[in-house]
PDB file of N, CA and C in Angstrom:
ATOM      1  N   UNK A   1     -11.380 -18.104   1.743  1.00  0.00           N
ATOM      2  CA  UNK A   1     -11.332 -16.973   2.656  1.00  0.00           C
ATOM      3  C   UNK A   1     -12.060 -15.782   2.043  1.00  0.00           C
ATOM      4  N   UNK A   2     -12.914 -15.177   2.835  1.00  0.00           N
ATOM      5  CA  UNK A   2     -13.643 -14.005   2.373  1.00  0.00           C
ATOM      6  C   UNK A   2     -12.836 -12.750   2.688  1.00  0.00           C
ATOM      7  N   UNK A   3     -13.001 -11.728   1.845  1.00  0.00           N
ATOM      8  CA  UNK A   3     -12.384 -10.422   2.082  1.00  0.00           C
ATOM      9  C   UNK A   3     -13.510  -9.437   2.321  1.00  0.00           C
ATOM     10  N   UNK A   4     -13.528  -8.852   3.514  1.00  0.00           N
ATOM     11  CA  UNK A   4     -14.637  -7.985   3.904  1.00  0.00           C
ATOM     12  C   UNK A   4     -14.113  -6.637   4.355  1.00  0.00           C
ATOM     13  N   UNK A   5     -15.002  -5.625   4.272  1.00  0.00           N
ATOM     14  CA  UNK A   5     -14.641  -4.308   4.785  1.00  0.00           C
ATOM     15  C   UNK A   5     -14.696  -4.274   6.306  1.00  0.00           C
ATOM     16  N   UNK A   6     -15.704  -4.942   6.847  1.00  0.00           N
ATOM     17  CA  UNK A   6     -15.853  -4.941   8.303  1.00  0.00           C
ATOM     18  C   UNK A   6     -16.002  -6.377   8.782  1.00  0.00           C
ATOM     19  N   UNK A   7     -15.232  -6.734   9.803  1.00  0.00           N
ATOM     20  CA  UNK A   7     -15.238  -8.094  10.310  1.00  0.00           C
ATOM     21  C   UNK A   7     -16.102  -8.260  11.551  1.00  0.00           C
ATOM     22  N   UNK A   8     -16.737  -7.189  11.970  1.00  0.00           N
ATOM     23  CA  UNK A   8     -17.452  -7.259  13.240  1.00  0.00           C
ATOM     24  C   UNK A   8     -18.624  -8.234  13.192  1.00  0.00           C
ATOM     25  N   UNK A   9     -19.368  -8.232  12.087  1.00  0.00           N
ATOM     26  CA  UNK A   9     -20.514  -9.132  11.989  1.00  0.00           C
ATOM     27  C   UNK A   9     -20.073 -10.579  11.837  1.00  0.00           C
ATOM     28  N   UNK A  10     -18.941 -10.784  11.158  1.00  0.00           N
ATOM     29  CA  UNK A  10     -18.429 -12.147  11.010  1.00  0.00           C
ATOM     30  C   UNK A  10     -17.934 -12.709  12.332  1.00  0.00           C
ATOM     31  N   UNK A  11     -17.363 -11.845  13.144  1.00  0.00           N
ATOM     32  CA  UNK A  11     -16.774 -12.313  14.408  1.00  0.00           C
ATOM     33  C   UNK A  11     -17.862 -12.781  15.370  1.00  0.00           C
ATOM     34  N   UNK A  12     -19.023 -12.166  15.318  1.00  0.00           N
ATOM     35  CA  UNK A  12     -20.071 -12.505  16.280  1.00  0.00           C
ATOM     36  C   UNK A  12     -20.891 -13.713  15.852  1.00  0.00           C
ATOM     37  N   UNK A  13     -20.648 -14.274  14.675  1.00  0.00           N
ATOM     38  CA  UNK A  13     -21.439 -15.409  14.206  1.00  0.00           C
ATOM     39  C   UNK A  13     -21.175 -16.684  14.988  1.00  0.00           C
ATOM     40  N   UNK A  14     -19.942 -16.855  15.441  1.00  0.00           N
ATOM     41  CA  UNK A  14     -19.588 -18.075  16.160  1.00  0.00           C
ATOM     42  C   UNK A  14     -18.732 -17.672  17.342  1.00  0.00           C
ATOM     43  N   UNK A  15     -18.933 -18.337  18.475  1.00  0.00           N
ATOM     44  CA  UNK A  15     -18.203 -17.862  19.652  1.00  0.00           C
ATOM     45  C   UNK A  15     -16.764 -18.313  19.681  1.00  0.00           C
ATOM     46  N   UNK A  16     -16.353 -19.190  18.756  1.00  0.00           N
ATOM     47  CA  UNK A  16     -14.952 -19.595  18.690  1.00  0.00           C
ATOM     48  C   UNK A  16     -14.129 -18.715  17.765  1.00  0.00           C
ATOM     49  N   UNK A  17     -14.745 -17.718  17.152  1.00  0.00           N
ATOM     50  CA  UNK A  17     -14.015 -16.852  16.229  1.00  0.00           C
ATOM     51  C   UNK A  17     -13.030 -15.973  16.985  1.00  0.00           C
ATOM     52  N   UNK A  18     -11.841 -15.829  16.415  1.00  0.00           N
ATOM     53  CA  UNK A  18     -10.807 -14.986  17.020  1.00  0.00           C
ATOM     54  C   UNK A  18     -10.400 -13.913  16.031  1.00  0.00           C
ATOM     55  N   UNK A  19     -10.170 -12.719  16.543  1.00  0.00           N
ATOM     56  CA  UNK A  19      -9.663 -11.619  15.729  1.00  0.00           C
ATOM     57  C   UNK A  19      -8.155 -11.559  15.900  1.00  0.00           C
ATOM     58  N   UNK A  20      -7.423 -11.665  14.788  1.00  0.00           N
ATOM     59  CA  UNK A  20      -5.970 -11.762  14.834  1.00  0.00           C
ATOM     60  C   UNK A  20      -5.373 -10.747  13.875  1.00  0.00           C
ATOM     61  N   UNK A  21      -4.292 -10.080  14.310  1.00  0.00           N
ATOM     62  CA  UNK A  21      -3.558  -9.170  13.419  1.00  0.00           C
ATOM     63  C   UNK A  21      -2.274  -9.840  12.986  1.00  0.00           C
ATOM     64  N   UNK A  22      -2.104  -9.989  11.674  1.00  0.00           N
ATOM     65  CA  UNK A  22      -0.876 -10.565  11.138  1.00  0.00           C
ATOM     66  C   UNK A  22      -0.418  -9.736   9.958  1.00  0.00           C
ATOM     67  N   UNK A  23       0.826  -9.292  10.022  1.00  0.00           N
ATOM     68  CA  UNK A  23       1.449  -8.540   8.926  1.00  0.00           C
ATOM     69  C   UNK A  23       0.615  -7.326   8.513  1.00  0.00           C
ATOM     70  N   UNK A  24       0.059  -6.632   9.517  1.00  0.00           N
ATOM     71  CA  UNK A  24      -0.709  -5.429   9.233  1.00  0.00           C
ATOM     72  C   UNK A  24      -2.105  -5.664   8.710  1.00  0.00           C
ATOM     73  N   UNK A  25      -2.554  -6.922   8.643  1.00  0.00           N
ATOM     74  CA  UNK A  25      -3.902  -7.220   8.195  1.00  0.00           C
ATOM     75  C   UNK A  25      -4.676  -7.846   9.342  1.00  0.00           C
ATOM     76  N   UNK A  26      -5.991  -7.680   9.306  1.00  0.00           N
ATOM     77  CA  UNK A  26      -6.850  -8.197  10.361  1.00  0.00           C
ATOM     78  C   UNK A  26      -7.564  -9.431   9.832  1.00  0.00           C
ATOM     79  N   UNK A  27      -7.499 -10.516  10.598  1.00  0.00           N
ATOM     80  CA  UNK A  27      -8.103 -11.774  10.185  1.00  0.00           C
ATOM     81  C   UNK A  27      -9.088 -12.251  11.228  1.00  0.00           C
ATOM     82  N   UNK A  28     -10.110 -12.973  10.775  1.00  0.00           N
ATOM     83  CA  UNK A  28     -10.966 -13.750  11.664  1.00  0.00           C
ATOM     84  C   UNK A  28     -10.674 -15.205  11.378  1.00  0.00           C
ATOM     85  N   UNK A  29     -10.270 -15.947  12.415  1.00  0.00           N
ATOM     86  CA  UNK A  29     -10.001 -17.374  12.246  1.00  0.00           C
ATOM     87  C   UNK A  29     -10.778 -18.150  13.293  1.00  0.00           C
ATOM     88  N   UNK A  30     -11.032 -19.409  12.975  1.00  0.00           N
ATOM     89  CA  UNK A  30     -11.761 -20.281  13.876  1.00  0.00           C
ATOM     90  C   UNK A  30     -11.138 -21.664  13.798  1.00  0.00           C
ATOM     91  N   UNK A  31     -10.635 -22.142  14.923  1.00  0.00           N
ATOM     92  CA  UNK A  31      -9.974 -23.447  14.933  1.00  0.00           C
ATOM     93  C   UNK A  31     -10.982 -24.590  14.930  1.00  0.00           C
ATOM     94  N   UNK A  32     -12.184 -24.350  15.455  1.00  0.00           N
ATOM     95  CA  UNK A  32     -13.163 -25.422  15.590  1.00  0.00           C
ATOM     96  C   UNK A  32     -13.932 -25.618  14.285  1.00  0.00           C
ATOM     97  N   UNK A  33     -14.533 -24.539  13.783  1.00  0.00           N
ATOM     98  CA  UNK A  33     -15.248 -24.606  12.506  1.00  0.00           C
ATOM     99  C   UNK A  33     -14.469 -23.760  11.516  1.00  0.00           C
ATOM    100  N   UNK A  34     -13.705 -24.418  10.669  1.00  0.00           N
ATOM    101  CA  UNK A  34     -12.731 -23.711   9.853  1.00  0.00           C
ATOM    102  C   UNK A  34     -13.331 -22.950   8.691  1.00  0.00           C
ATOM    103  N   UNK A  35     -14.626 -23.034   8.499  1.00  0.00           N
ATOM    104  CA  UNK A  35     -15.197 -22.265   7.390  1.00  0.00           C
ATOM    105  C   UNK A  35     -15.321 -20.783   7.715  1.00  0.00           C
ATOM    106  N   UNK A  36     -15.206 -20.416   8.975  1.00  0.00           N
ATOM    107  CA  UNK A  36     -15.223 -19.003   9.346  1.00  0.00           C
ATOM    108  C   UNK A  36     -13.816 -18.441   9.227  1.00  0.00           C
ATOM    109  N   UNK A  37     -13.497 -17.950   8.034  1.00  0.00           N
ATOM    110  CA  UNK A  37     -12.181 -17.352   7.815  1.00  0.00           C
ATOM    111  C   UNK A  37     -12.387 -16.110   6.960  1.00  0.00           C
ATOM    112  N   UNK A  38     -11.821 -15.007   7.389  1.00  0.00           N
ATOM    113  CA  UNK A  38     -11.983 -13.778   6.622  1.00  0.00           C
ATOM    114  C   UNK A  38     -10.795 -12.865   6.870  1.00  0.00           C
ATOM    115  N   UNK A  39     -10.596 -11.989   5.909  1.00  0.00           N
ATOM    116  CA  UNK A  39      -9.530 -10.996   5.974  1.00  0.00           C
ATOM    117  C   UNK A  39     -10.154  -9.642   5.697  1.00  0.00           C
ATOM    118  N   UNK A  40      -9.613  -8.610   6.334  1.00  0.00           N
ATOM    119  CA  UNK A  40     -10.155  -7.261   6.128  1.00  0.00           C
ATOM    120  C   UNK A  40      -9.272  -6.483   5.174  1.00  0.00           C
ATOM    121  N   UNK A  41      -9.929  -5.760   4.235  1.00  0.00           N
ATOM    122  CA  UNK A  41      -9.223  -4.822   3.371  1.00  0.00           C
ATOM    123  C   UNK A  41      -8.672  -5.376   2.092  1.00  0.00           C
TER     124      UNK A  41
END
């Protein structure tokens, strides 16, 4: 999992990417291609 300051560019790379808030953190997850995973901050 990558840790990035901004997830906007990561989210637009694949159309299956979802932006999710869990426990006060913002995540990008992808159920189809699981290599797209990132956390903000």
